[in-house]
Amino acid sequence: MGIHDGHREKMRRRFAQTGLSGFADHEALELLLFYAIPRRDTNPLAHRLLERYGSLEGVFTAPAEDLEKVEGMGGSAALLLRLVPLLAEKSRERTDGPVILNSTERAGEYLLRRFDRKKNELVYELCLDRKGKLLACKLLTEGDVNGAELNIRRLVENALLTNASAVILSHNHPSGVALPSSEDFATTDRARAALEGVGIPMVDHIIVADGDFVSMRDSGYFTK
């Protein structure tokens, strides 16, 4: 038996008996890291992660490449910490039938859930059929708190692979308001032109911030 095996077994039994009730944040994180780091004490690493990111939420929303910079982290541990919140998000997705996003309100409400509590800027692509049914929601880019670059090639590939009849582009402003910037206008023009080049219209660009959203189509920009 290794030097840490007894401690790990006690932690596992404690969790089996009480769940996370009574676990401090660093203990819960330590327990999770057992499954990516099998032969090393994960307690110091759990403390370092919380010191760097401030909270469990901060840890779970940090980019994988940034997580790997923390002393003691590796690729497997970073992947595990990114996978947990994504699985939780996926489990909350509606499973009672097709998702219909045939209005700004429906698309906005769907996207508010996607961007809930996200600390970094993300860019999503919603691929729709002719009736507004969601065929796929694709994460195009994950940036940092200051911005994210649009991957035009992936935008077009996703639309073609899903046989989309229309596309909605969306991104968030993590530390701002849901109003388009000059950069957002330029990004919209690039995306629309790329999709029009393959015969697929981009019908909206929705910006999300602080529980609110703004449709660039409803704001009149898509008439230009």
C-alpha atoms as a PDB file:
ATOM      1  CA  MET A   1       0.000   0.000   0.000  1.00  0.00           C
ATOM      2  CA  GLY A   2       1.354   3.453  -0.952  1.00  0.00           C
ATOM      3  CA  ILE A   3       1.908   6.239   1.521  1.00  0.00           C
ATOM      4  CA  HIS A   4      -1.277   8.064   0.457  1.00  0.00           C
ATOM      5  CA  ASP A   5      -3.556   5.031  -0.034  1.00  0.00           C
ATOM      6  CA  GLY A   6      -4.940   5.073   3.502  1.00  0.00           C
ATOM      7  CA  HIS A   7      -5.840   8.747   3.283  1.00  0.00           C
ATOM      8  CA  ARG A   8      -7.479   8.281  -0.098  1.00  0.00           C
ATOM      9  CA  GLU A   9      -9.547   5.352   1.093  1.00  0.00           C
ATOM     10  CA  LYS A  10     -10.767   7.375   4.088  1.00  0.00           C
ATOM     11  CA  MET A  11     -11.765  10.225   1.770  1.00  0.00           C
ATOM     12  CA  ARG A  12     -13.625   7.848  -0.534  1.00  0.00           C
ATOM     13  CA  ARG A  13     -15.501   6.230   2.387  1.00  0.00           C
ATOM     14  CA  ARG A  14     -16.391   9.616   3.757  1.00  0.00           C
ATOM     15  CA  PHE A  15     -17.805  10.653   0.397  1.00  0.00           C
ATOM     16  CA  ALA A  16     -19.711   7.365   0.039  1.00  0.00           C
ATOM     17  CA  GLN A  17     -21.338   7.955   3.422  1.00  0.00           C
ATOM     18  CA  THR A  18     -22.079  11.690   3.330  1.00  0.00           C
ATOM     19  CA  GLY A  19     -21.594  12.923  -0.223  1.00  0.00           C
ATOM     20  CA  LEU A  20     -19.841  16.288  -0.288  1.00  0.00           C
ATOM     21  CA  SER A  21     -21.546  17.427   2.906  1.00  0.00           C
ATOM     22  CA  GLY A  22     -18.838  18.714   5.227  1.00  0.00           C
ATOM     23  CA  PHE A  23     -16.133  18.691   2.554  1.00  0.00           C
ATOM     24  CA  ALA A  24     -14.173  21.914   2.238  1.00  0.00           C
ATOM     25  CA  ASP A  25     -13.637  23.109  -1.329  1.00  0.00           C
ATOM     26  CA  HIS A  26     -10.021  21.991  -1.341  1.00  0.00           C
ATOM     27  CA  GLU A  27     -11.018  18.529  -0.063  1.00  0.00           C
ATOM     28  CA  ALA A  28     -13.625  18.075  -2.804  1.00  0.00           C
ATOM     29  CA  LEU A  29     -11.079  19.122  -5.409  1.00  0.00           C
ATOM     30  CA  GLU A  30      -8.455  16.861  -3.848  1.00  0.00           C
ATOM     31  CA  LEU A  31     -10.860  13.914  -4.065  1.00  0.00           C
ATOM     32  CA  LEU A  32     -11.626  14.567  -7.724  1.00  0.00           C
ATOM     33  CA  LEU A  33      -7.943  14.818  -8.593  1.00  0.00           C
ATOM     34  CA  PHE A  34      -7.350  11.319  -7.182  1.00  0.00           C
ATOM     35  CA  TYR A  35      -8.739   9.976 -10.451  1.00  0.00           C
ATOM     36  CA  ALA A  36      -6.269  11.818 -12.667  1.00  0.00           C
ATOM     37  CA  ILE A  37      -3.210  11.659 -10.388  1.00  0.00           C
ATOM     38  CA  PRO A  38      -3.115   8.143  -8.898  1.00  0.00           C
ATOM     39  CA  ARG A  39       0.237   8.130  -7.081  1.00  0.00           C
ATOM     40  CA  ARG A  40       0.758  11.585  -5.624  1.00  0.00           C
ATOM     41  CA  ASP A  41      -0.694  13.671  -2.802  1.00  0.00           C
ATOM     42  CA  THR A  42      -3.247  15.958  -4.491  1.00  0.00           C
ATOM     43  CA  ASN A  43      -3.926  18.135  -1.436  1.00  0.00           C
ATOM     44  CA  PRO A  44      -1.193  20.721  -2.187  1.00  0.00           C
ATOM     45  CA  LEU A  45      -2.333  20.908  -5.810  1.00  0.00           C
ATOM     46  CA  ALA A  46      -5.950  21.492  -4.753  1.00  0.00           C
ATOM     47  CA  HIS A  47      -4.794  24.403  -2.586  1.00  0.00           C
ATOM     48  CA  ARG A  48      -2.696  25.864  -5.417  1.00  0.00           C
ATOM     49  CA  LEU A  49      -5.624  25.720  -7.820  1.00  0.00           C
ATOM     50  CA  LEU A  50      -7.956  27.488  -5.408  1.00  0.00           C
ATOM     51  CA  GLU A  51      -5.330  30.121  -4.645  1.00  0.00           C
ATOM     52  CA  ARG A  52      -4.831  30.789  -8.356  1.00  0.00           C
ATOM     53  CA  TYR A  53      -8.488  30.850  -9.423  1.00  0.00           C
ATOM     54  CA  GLY A  54     -10.227  31.930  -6.225  1.00  0.00           C
ATOM     55  CA  SER A  55     -13.037  29.367  -6.118  1.00  0.00           C
ATOM     56  CA  LEU A  56     -14.204  26.006  -7.432  1.00  0.00           C
ATOM     57  CA  GLU A  57     -16.131  27.844 -10.128  1.00  0.00           C
ATOM     58  CA  GLY A  58     -12.941  29.625 -11.146  1.00  0.00           C
ATOM     59  CA  VAL A  59     -11.087  26.312 -11.351  1.00  0.00           C
ATOM     60  CA  PHE A  60     -13.791  24.615 -13.423  1.00  0.00           C
ATOM     61  CA  THR A  61     -14.097  27.495 -15.905  1.00  0.00           C
ATOM     62  CA  ALA A  62     -10.345  27.994 -16.430  1.00  0.00           C
ATOM     63  CA  PRO A  63      -8.981  27.059 -19.885  1.00  0.00           C
ATOM     64  CA  ALA A  64      -7.175  23.719 -19.971  1.00  0.00           C
ATOM     65  CA  GLU A  65      -3.981  25.306 -21.235  1.00  0.00           C
ATOM     66  CA  ASP A  66      -3.952  27.665 -18.242  1.00  0.00           C
ATOM     67  CA  LEU A  67      -4.691  24.854 -15.788  1.00  0.00           C
ATOM     68  CA  GLU A  68      -1.653  22.986 -17.077  1.00  0.00           C
ATOM     69  CA  LYS A  69       0.564  25.884 -15.981  1.00  0.00           C
ATOM     70  CA  VAL A  70      -0.188  25.175 -12.315  1.00  0.00           C
ATOM     71  CA  GLU A  71       2.605  23.246 -10.606  1.00  0.00           C
ATOM     72  CA  GLY A  72       1.678  19.584 -10.310  1.00  0.00           C
ATOM     73  CA  MET A  73      -0.974  19.611 -13.041  1.00  0.00           C
ATOM     74  CA  GLY A  74      -0.747  17.508 -16.172  1.00  0.00           C
ATOM     75  CA  GLY A  75      -2.806  17.060 -19.280  1.00  0.00           C
ATOM     76  CA  SER A  76      -5.029  14.345 -17.802  1.00  0.00           C
ATOM     77  CA  ALA A  77      -5.840  16.356 -14.694  1.00  0.00           C
ATOM     78  CA  ALA A  78      -6.577  19.479 -16.747  1.00  0.00           C
ATOM     79  CA  LEU A  79      -8.860  17.469 -19.032  1.00  0.00           C
ATOM     80  CA  LEU A  80     -10.728  16.046 -16.039  1.00  0.00           C
ATOM     81  CA  LEU A  81     -11.317  19.497 -14.556  1.00  0.00           C
ATOM     82  CA  ARG A  82     -12.676  20.772 -17.885  1.00  0.00           C
ATOM     83  CA  LEU A  83     -14.766  17.646 -18.458  1.00  0.00           C
ATOM     84  CA  VAL A  84     -16.686  17.813 -15.166  1.00  0.00           C
ATOM     85  CA  PRO A  85     -18.513  21.134 -15.806  1.00  0.00           C
ATOM     86  CA  LEU A  86     -19.105  20.279 -19.457  1.00  0.00           C
ATOM     87  CA  LEU A  87     -20.774  16.997 -18.458  1.00  0.00           C
ATOM     88  CA  ALA A  88     -22.869  18.847 -15.886  1.00  0.00           C
ATOM     89  CA  GLU A  89     -23.919  21.325 -18.559  1.00  0.00           C
ATOM     90  CA  LYS A  90     -24.737  18.550 -20.982  1.00  0.00           C
ATOM     91  CA  SER A  91     -26.870  16.801 -18.366  1.00  0.00           C
ATOM     92  CA  ARG A  92     -28.998  19.930 -18.045  1.00  0.00           C
ATOM     93  CA  GLU A  93     -29.770  20.072 -21.749  1.00  0.00           C
ATOM     94  CA  ARG A  94     -33.374  19.448 -22.712  1.00  0.00           C
ATOM     95  CA  THR A  95     -34.096  15.870 -23.728  1.00  0.00           C
ATOM     96  CA  ASP A  96     -37.873  16.119 -24.189  1.00  0.00           C
ATOM     97  CA  GLY A  97     -37.813  16.706 -27.930  1.00  0.00           C
ATOM     98  CA  PRO A  98     -36.204  18.923 -30.554  1.00  0.00           C
ATOM     99  CA  VAL A  99     -34.998  22.393 -29.618  1.00  0.00           C
ATOM    100  CA  ILE A 100     -36.743  24.985 -31.791  1.00  0.00           C
ATOM    101  CA  LEU A 101     -35.003  28.350 -32.044  1.00  0.00           C
ATOM    102  CA  ASN A 102     -37.307  30.118 -34.496  1.00  0.00           C
ATOM    103  CA  SER A 103     -37.388  33.443 -32.648  1.00  0.00           C
ATOM    104  CA  THR A 104     -34.907  35.802 -31.040  1.00  0.00           C
ATOM    105  CA  GLU A 105     -36.426  35.139 -27.621  1.00  0.00           C
ATOM    106  CA  ARG A 106     -36.011  31.374 -27.900  1.00  0.00           C
ATOM    107  CA  ALA A 107     -32.468  31.635 -29.206  1.00  0.00           C
ATOM    108  CA  GLY A 108     -31.556  34.186 -26.537  1.00  0.00           C
ATOM    109  CA  GLU A 109     -32.940  32.097 -23.686  1.00  0.00           C
ATOM    110  CA  TYR A 110     -31.109  29.023 -24.969  1.00  0.00           C
ATOM    111  CA  LEU A 111     -27.849  30.953 -25.154  1.00  0.00           C
ATOM    112  CA  LEU A 112     -28.250  32.475 -21.697  1.00  0.00           C
ATOM    113  CA  ARG A 113     -28.061  28.935 -20.313  1.00  0.00           C
ATOM    114  CA  ARG A 114     -25.007  28.177 -22.442  1.00  0.00           C
ATOM    115  CA  PHE A 115     -23.113  31.213 -21.196  1.00  0.00           C
ATOM    116  CA  ASP A 116     -24.265  31.049 -17.577  1.00  0.00           C
ATOM    117  CA  ARG A 117     -21.360  31.746 -15.170  1.00  0.00           C
ATOM    118  CA  LYS A 118     -18.731  31.584 -17.912  1.00  0.00           C
ATOM    119  CA  LYS A 119     -15.657  33.638 -17.012  1.00  0.00           C
ATOM    120  CA  ASN A 120     -13.977  33.627 -20.433  1.00  0.00           C
ATOM    121  CA  GLU A 121     -15.231  34.737 -23.810  1.00  0.00           C
ATOM    122  CA  LEU A 122     -16.708  31.895 -25.859  1.00  0.00           C
ATOM    123  CA  VAL A 123     -17.998  31.783 -29.417  1.00  0.00           C
ATOM    124  CA  TYR A 124     -20.856  29.413 -30.259  1.00  0.00           C
ATOM    125  CA  GLU A 125     -22.387  28.478 -33.588  1.00  0.00           C
ATOM    126  CA  LEU A 126     -26.019  27.345 -33.725  1.00  0.00           C
ATOM    127  CA  CYS A 127     -26.785  25.308 -36.840  1.00  0.00           C
ATOM    128  CA  LEU A 128     -30.500  25.276 -37.736  1.00  0.00           C
ATOM    129  CA  ASP A 129     -32.750  23.596 -40.258  1.00  0.00           C
ATOM    130  CA  ARG A 130     -35.361  25.461 -42.326  1.00  0.00           C
ATOM    131  CA  LYS A 131     -37.892  25.407 -39.491  1.00  0.00           C
ATOM    132  CA  GLY A 132     -35.476  26.656 -36.853  1.00  0.00           C
ATOM    133  CA  LYS A 133     -34.789  23.267 -35.284  1.00  0.00           C
ATOM    134  CA  LEU A 134     -31.371  23.130 -33.656  1.00  0.00           C
ATOM    135  CA  LEU A 135     -29.161  20.637 -35.490  1.00  0.00           C
ATOM    136  CA  ALA A 136     -26.020  21.348 -33.483  1.00  0.00           C
ATOM    137  CA  CYS A 137     -24.572  23.827 -31.025  1.00  0.00           C
ATOM    138  CA  LYS A 138     -20.822  24.034 -31.626  1.00  0.00           C
ATOM    139  CA  LEU A 139     -18.236  25.755 -29.463  1.00  0.00           C
ATOM    140  CA  LEU A 140     -16.028  27.479 -32.037  1.00  0.00           C
ATOM    141  CA  THR A 141     -13.522  29.185 -29.762  1.00  0.00           C
ATOM    142  CA  GLU A 142     -12.708  29.603 -26.090  1.00  0.00           C
ATOM    143  CA  GLY A 143     -10.642  32.694 -25.385  1.00  0.00           C
ATOM    144  CA  ASP A 144      -9.920  34.601 -22.200  1.00  0.00           C
ATOM    145  CA  VAL A 145     -11.752  37.328 -20.321  1.00  0.00           C
ATOM    146  CA  ASN A 146     -10.713  39.902 -22.940  1.00  0.00           C
ATOM    147  CA  GLY A 147     -11.748  38.176 -26.134  1.00  0.00           C
ATOM    148  CA  ALA A 148     -11.819  35.164 -28.453  1.00  0.00           C
ATOM    149  CA  GLU A 149     -10.849  34.870 -32.100  1.00  0.00           C
ATOM    150  CA  LEU A 150     -13.464  33.567 -34.528  1.00  0.00           C
ATOM    151  CA  ASN A 151     -12.418  30.435 -36.404  1.00  0.00           C
ATOM    152  CA  ILE A 152     -13.958  31.099 -39.827  1.00  0.00           C
ATOM    153  CA  ARG A 153     -12.917  27.753 -41.293  1.00  0.00           C
ATOM    154  CA  ARG A 154     -14.561  25.807 -38.470  1.00  0.00           C
ATOM    155  CA  LEU A 155     -17.672  27.997 -38.727  1.00  0.00           C
ATOM    156  CA  VAL A 156     -18.162  27.037 -42.361  1.00  0.00           C
ATOM    157  CA  GLU A 157     -17.224  23.370 -41.853  1.00  0.00           C
ATOM    158  CA  ASN A 158     -19.779  22.965 -39.054  1.00  0.00           C
ATOM    159  CA  ALA A 159     -22.539  24.471 -41.160  1.00  0.00           C
ATOM    160  CA  LEU A 160     -21.752  22.183 -44.095  1.00  0.00           C
ATOM    161  CA  LEU A 161     -21.316  19.016 -42.019  1.00  0.00           C
ATOM    162  CA  THR A 162     -24.662  19.507 -40.249  1.00  0.00           C
ATOM    163  CA  ASN A 163     -26.392  20.405 -43.522  1.00  0.00           C
ATOM    164  CA  ALA A 164     -27.581  23.614 -41.895  1.00  0.00           C
ATOM    165  CA  SER A 165     -30.082  25.883 -43.614  1.00  0.00           C
ATOM    166  CA  ALA A 166     -29.196  28.810 -41.352  1.00  0.00           C
ATOM    167  CA  VAL A 167     -26.656  29.767 -38.700  1.00  0.00           C
ATOM    168  CA  ILE A 168     -26.779  31.933 -35.581  1.00  0.00           C
ATOM    169  CA  LEU A 169     -23.448  33.147 -34.248  1.00  0.00           C
ATOM    170  CA  SER A 170     -23.140  34.051 -30.586  1.00  0.00           C
ATOM    171  CA  HIS A 171     -20.515  35.148 -28.106  1.00  0.00           C
ATOM    172  CA  ASN A 172     -20.412  36.628 -24.625  1.00  0.00           C
ATOM    173  CA  HIS A 173     -18.912  39.721 -23.029  1.00  0.00           C
ATOM    174  CA  PRO A 174     -17.771  38.332 -19.651  1.00  0.00           C
ATOM    175  CA  SER A 175     -16.850  41.682 -18.149  1.00  0.00           C
ATOM    176  CA  GLY A 176     -19.058  44.051 -20.105  1.00  0.00           C
ATOM    177  CA  VAL A 177     -22.551  44.695 -21.387  1.00  0.00           C
ATOM    178  CA  ALA A 178     -24.421  42.970 -24.183  1.00  0.00           C
ATOM    179  CA  LEU A 179     -23.835  45.678 -26.760  1.00  0.00           C
ATOM    180  CA  PRO A 180     -21.864  45.066 -29.963  1.00  0.00           C
ATOM    181  CA  SER A 181     -18.419  46.596 -30.279  1.00  0.00           C
ATOM    182  CA  SER A 182     -16.715  47.714 -33.480  1.00  0.00           C
ATOM    183  CA  GLU A 183     -14.865  44.403 -33.428  1.00  0.00           C
ATOM    184  CA  ASP A 184     -18.190  42.546 -33.185  1.00  0.00           C
ATOM    185  CA  PHE A 185     -19.432  44.341 -36.314  1.00  0.00           C
ATOM    186  CA  ALA A 186     -16.268  43.371 -38.197  1.00  0.00           C
ATOM    187  CA  THR A 187     -16.553  39.749 -37.027  1.00  0.00           C
ATOM    188  CA  THR A 188     -20.176  39.638 -38.119  1.00  0.00           C
ATOM    189  CA  ASP A 189     -19.288  40.876 -41.597  1.00  0.00           C
ATOM    190  CA  ARG A 190     -16.539  38.247 -41.961  1.00  0.00           C
ATOM    191  CA  ALA A 191     -18.790  35.418 -40.767  1.00  0.00           C
ATOM    192  CA  ARG A 192     -21.716  36.430 -42.964  1.00  0.00           C
ATOM    193  CA  ALA A 193     -19.510  36.672 -46.038  1.00  0.00           C
ATOM    194  CA  ALA A 194     -17.913  33.265 -45.403  1.00  0.00           C
ATOM    195  CA  LEU A 195     -21.258  31.525 -44.938  1.00  0.00           C
ATOM    196  CA  GLU A 196     -22.866  33.272 -47.886  1.00  0.00           C
ATOM    197  CA  GLY A 197     -19.969  31.947 -49.964  1.00  0.00           C
ATOM    198  CA  VAL A 198     -21.315  28.423 -49.415  1.00  0.00           C
ATOM    199  CA  GLY A 199     -24.970  29.419 -49.695  1.00  0.00           C
ATOM    200  CA  ILE A 200     -25.885  29.355 -45.997  1.00  0.00           C
ATOM    201  CA  PRO A 201     -27.333  32.507 -44.436  1.00  0.00           C
ATOM    202  CA  MET A 202     -26.204  33.749 -41.049  1.00  0.00           C
ATOM    203  CA  VAL A 203     -29.506  34.955 -39.626  1.00  0.00           C
ATOM    204  CA  ASP A 204     -28.305  36.572 -36.394  1.00  0.00           C
ATOM    205  CA  HIS A 205     -25.394  37.360 -34.113  1.00  0.00           C
ATOM    206  CA  ILE A 206     -26.472  37.329 -30.468  1.00  0.00           C
ATOM    207  CA  ILE A 207     -24.289  38.856 -27.766  1.00  0.00           C
ATOM    208  CA  VAL A 208     -24.732  37.751 -24.149  1.00  0.00           C
ATOM    209  CA  ALA A 209     -23.604  39.506 -20.972  1.00  0.00           C
ATOM    210  CA  ASP A 210     -24.708  39.609 -17.347  1.00  0.00           C
ATOM    211  CA  GLY A 211     -27.967  37.709 -17.838  1.00  0.00           C
ATOM    212  CA  ASP A 212     -28.978  39.785 -20.860  1.00  0.00           C
ATOM    213  CA  PHE A 213     -28.679  39.388 -24.616  1.00  0.00           C
ATOM    214  CA  VAL A 214     -28.746  41.625 -27.677  1.00  0.00           C
ATOM    215  CA  SER A 215     -29.691  40.496 -31.181  1.00  0.00           C
ATOM    216  CA  MET A 216     -27.790  42.303 -33.910  1.00  0.00           C
ATOM    217  CA  ARG A 217     -30.547  41.368 -36.355  1.00  0.00           C
ATOM    218  CA  ASP A 218     -33.245  42.950 -34.185  1.00  0.00           C
ATOM    219  CA  SER A 219     -31.013  45.975 -33.727  1.00  0.00           C
ATOM    220  CA  GLY A 220     -31.185  46.559 -37.473  1.00  0.00           C
ATOM    221  CA  TYR A 221     -27.636  45.620 -38.398  1.00  0.00           C
ATOM    222  CA  PHE A 222     -28.617  42.669 -40.600  1.00  0.00           C
ATOM    223  CA  THR A 223     -30.528  44.951 -42.960  1.00  0.00           C
ATOM    224  CA  LYS A 224     -27.196  46.446 -44.033  1.00  0.00           C
END
